Amino acid sequence: MPPLKLPSRLLHDQANACLAQWVAQLPGHLPPSVGLDASELTEFDSSGLAVLLGLRRELVLRGSVLQVTGMSPRLRELAGLYGVIELLQPI
């Protein structure tokens, strides 16, 4: 499965549609981990984190894990502020 990609803009008004689209595209049988490239994301709010956490939750329910790459310092900072960085980038 090729990595998913975050759009350059992910704000509150796009969050639900983005998550629903990803979940609908997931195959029935998932690999052990699903990659998500966040390198293009430049405009976002906390709804972007909600999308990432929603996707992570769906993958865990299906026996897979989310591997986020390309997180900008600003996105990592926001995830740290909300206390969810370990869920998105486990040590």
C-alpha atoms as a PDB file:
ATOM      1  CA  MET A   1       0.000   0.000   0.000  1.00  0.00           C
ATOM      2  CA  PRO A   2       1.548   3.337  -1.013  1.00  0.00           C
ATOM      3  CA  PRO A   3       1.828   5.940   1.734  1.00  0.00           C
ATOM      4  CA  LEU A   4      -1.068   8.299   2.266  1.00  0.00           C
ATOM      5  CA  LYS A   5      -0.297  11.994   1.876  1.00  0.00           C
ATOM      6  CA  LEU A   6      -1.596  14.929   3.807  1.00  0.00           C
ATOM      7  CA  PRO A   7      -2.729  17.842   1.660  1.00  0.00           C
ATOM      8  CA  SER A   8      -0.989  21.203   1.981  1.00  0.00           C
ATOM      9  CA  ARG A   9      -4.043  22.609   3.758  1.00  0.00           C
ATOM     10  CA  LEU A  10      -6.066  20.783   6.406  1.00  0.00           C
ATOM     11  CA  LEU A  11      -8.400  22.923   8.463  1.00  0.00           C
ATOM     12  CA  HIS A  12     -11.630  22.295  10.359  1.00  0.00           C
ATOM     13  CA  ASP A  13     -13.863  22.557   7.269  1.00  0.00           C
ATOM     14  CA  GLN A  14     -11.954  19.739   5.485  1.00  0.00           C
ATOM     15  CA  ALA A  15     -11.180  17.448   8.417  1.00  0.00           C
ATOM     16  CA  ASN A  16     -14.205  15.127   8.392  1.00  0.00           C
ATOM     17  CA  ALA A  17     -14.149  14.673   4.624  1.00  0.00           C
ATOM     18  CA  CYS A  18     -10.421  13.961   4.634  1.00  0.00           C
ATOM     19  CA  LEU A  19     -10.702  11.288   7.310  1.00  0.00           C
ATOM     20  CA  ALA A  20     -13.781   9.707   5.698  1.00  0.00           C
ATOM     21  CA  GLN A  21     -12.010   9.537   2.334  1.00  0.00           C
ATOM     22  CA  TRP A  22      -8.967   7.814   3.816  1.00  0.00           C
ATOM     23  CA  VAL A  23     -11.036   5.310   5.777  1.00  0.00           C
ATOM     24  CA  ALA A  24     -13.104   4.504   2.669  1.00  0.00           C
ATOM     25  CA  GLN A  25      -9.907   3.866   0.676  1.00  0.00           C
ATOM     26  CA  LEU A  26      -8.343   1.481   3.172  1.00  0.00           C
ATOM     27  CA  PRO A  27      -8.147  -2.058   1.831  1.00  0.00           C
ATOM     28  CA  GLY A  28      -9.779  -4.910   3.702  1.00  0.00           C
ATOM     29  CA  HIS A  29      -6.409  -6.418   4.574  1.00  0.00           C
ATOM     30  CA  LEU A  30      -3.909  -3.877   5.864  1.00  0.00           C
ATOM     31  CA  PRO A  31      -0.150  -4.222   6.115  1.00  0.00           C
ATOM     32  CA  PRO A  32       1.350  -4.148   9.630  1.00  0.00           C
ATOM     33  CA  SER A  33       1.940  -0.414   9.247  1.00  0.00           C
ATOM     34  CA  VAL A  34       0.471   2.290   7.033  1.00  0.00           C
ATOM     35  CA  GLY A  35       2.654   5.254   6.110  1.00  0.00           C
ATOM     36  CA  LEU A  36       1.459   8.831   6.059  1.00  0.00           C
ATOM     37  CA  ASP A  37       3.579  11.593   4.541  1.00  0.00           C
ATOM     38  CA  ALA A  38       2.942  14.922   6.293  1.00  0.00           C
ATOM     39  CA  SER A  39       5.692  16.867   4.493  1.00  0.00           C
ATOM     40  CA  GLU A  40       3.350  18.919   2.289  1.00  0.00           C
ATOM     41  CA  LEU A  41       1.135  20.095   5.164  1.00  0.00           C
ATOM     42  CA  THR A  42       1.737  23.816   5.707  1.00  0.00           C
ATOM     43  CA  GLU A  43      -1.643  25.250   6.709  1.00  0.00           C
ATOM     44  CA  PHE A  44      -3.441  23.449   9.523  1.00  0.00           C
ATOM     45  CA  ASP A  45      -5.139  23.785  12.870  1.00  0.00           C
ATOM     46  CA  SER A  46      -5.877  21.296  15.634  1.00  0.00           C
ATOM     47  CA  SER A  47      -8.393  19.609  13.321  1.00  0.00           C
ATOM     48  CA  GLY A  48      -5.411  18.246  11.419  1.00  0.00           C
ATOM     49  CA  LEU A  49      -4.333  16.428  14.563  1.00  0.00           C
ATOM     50  CA  ALA A  50      -7.864  15.098  14.979  1.00  0.00           C
ATOM     51  CA  VAL A  51      -7.671  13.625  11.479  1.00  0.00           C
ATOM     52  CA  LEU A  52      -4.336  11.952  12.217  1.00  0.00           C
ATOM     53  CA  LEU A  53      -5.629  10.543  15.487  1.00  0.00           C
ATOM     54  CA  GLY A  54      -8.848   9.363  13.843  1.00  0.00           C
ATOM     55  CA  LEU A  55      -6.880   7.549  11.151  1.00  0.00           C
ATOM     56  CA  ARG A  56      -4.570   6.071  13.772  1.00  0.00           C
ATOM     57  CA  ARG A  57      -7.575   4.817  15.774  1.00  0.00           C
ATOM     58  CA  GLU A  58      -9.110   3.199  12.674  1.00  0.00           C
ATOM     59  CA  LEU A  59      -5.840   1.483  11.781  1.00  0.00           C
ATOM     60  CA  VAL A  60      -5.340   0.166  15.324  1.00  0.00           C
ATOM     61  CA  LEU A  61      -8.869  -1.266  15.273  1.00  0.00           C
ATOM     62  CA  ARG A  62      -7.927  -3.093  12.073  1.00  0.00           C
ATOM     63  CA  GLY A  63      -4.633  -4.415  13.475  1.00  0.00           C
ATOM     64  CA  SER A  64      -2.245  -1.944  11.860  1.00  0.00           C
ATOM     65  CA  VAL A  65      -0.249   1.070  13.028  1.00  0.00           C
ATOM     66  CA  LEU A  66       0.225   4.546  11.606  1.00  0.00           C
ATOM     67  CA  GLN A  67       3.735   5.670  10.656  1.00  0.00           C
ATOM     68  CA  VAL A  68       3.778   9.464  10.192  1.00  0.00           C
ATOM     69  CA  THR A  69       6.788  10.907   8.398  1.00  0.00           C
ATOM     70  CA  GLY A  70       7.684  14.437   7.361  1.00  0.00           C
ATOM     71  CA  MET A  71       6.086  16.219  10.313  1.00  0.00           C
ATOM     72  CA  SER A  72       7.041  19.875  10.309  1.00  0.00           C
ATOM     73  CA  PRO A  73       8.430  21.397  13.512  1.00  0.00           C
ATOM     74  CA  ARG A  74       5.165  23.326  13.872  1.00  0.00           C
ATOM     75  CA  LEU A  75       3.044  20.159  13.586  1.00  0.00           C
ATOM     76  CA  ARG A  76       5.288  18.340  16.090  1.00  0.00           C
ATOM     77  CA  GLU A  77       5.000  21.326  18.428  1.00  0.00           C
ATOM     78  CA  LEU A  78       1.194  21.324  18.209  1.00  0.00           C
ATOM     79  CA  ALA A  79       1.079  17.568  18.783  1.00  0.00           C
ATOM     80  CA  GLY A  80       3.335  18.011  21.795  1.00  0.00           C
ATOM     81  CA  LEU A  81       1.182  20.824  23.149  1.00  0.00           C
ATOM     82  CA  TYR A  82      -1.895  18.579  22.938  1.00  0.00           C
ATOM     83  CA  GLY A  83       0.020  15.656  24.449  1.00  0.00           C
ATOM     84  CA  VAL A  84      -0.382  13.329  21.464  1.00  0.00           C
ATOM     85  CA  ILE A  85       3.091  13.372  19.896  1.00  0.00           C
ATOM     86  CA  GLU A  86       3.861   9.888  21.277  1.00  0.00           C
ATOM     87  CA  LEU A  87       0.758   8.539  19.534  1.00  0.00           C
ATOM     88  CA  LEU A  88       1.901   9.925  16.187  1.00  0.00           C
ATOM     89  CA  GLN A  89       5.652   9.411  16.535  1.00  0.00           C
ATOM     90  CA  PRO A  90       6.259   6.677  19.111  1.00  0.00           C
ATOM     91  CA  ILE A  91       9.769   6.491  20.537  1.00  0.00           C
END
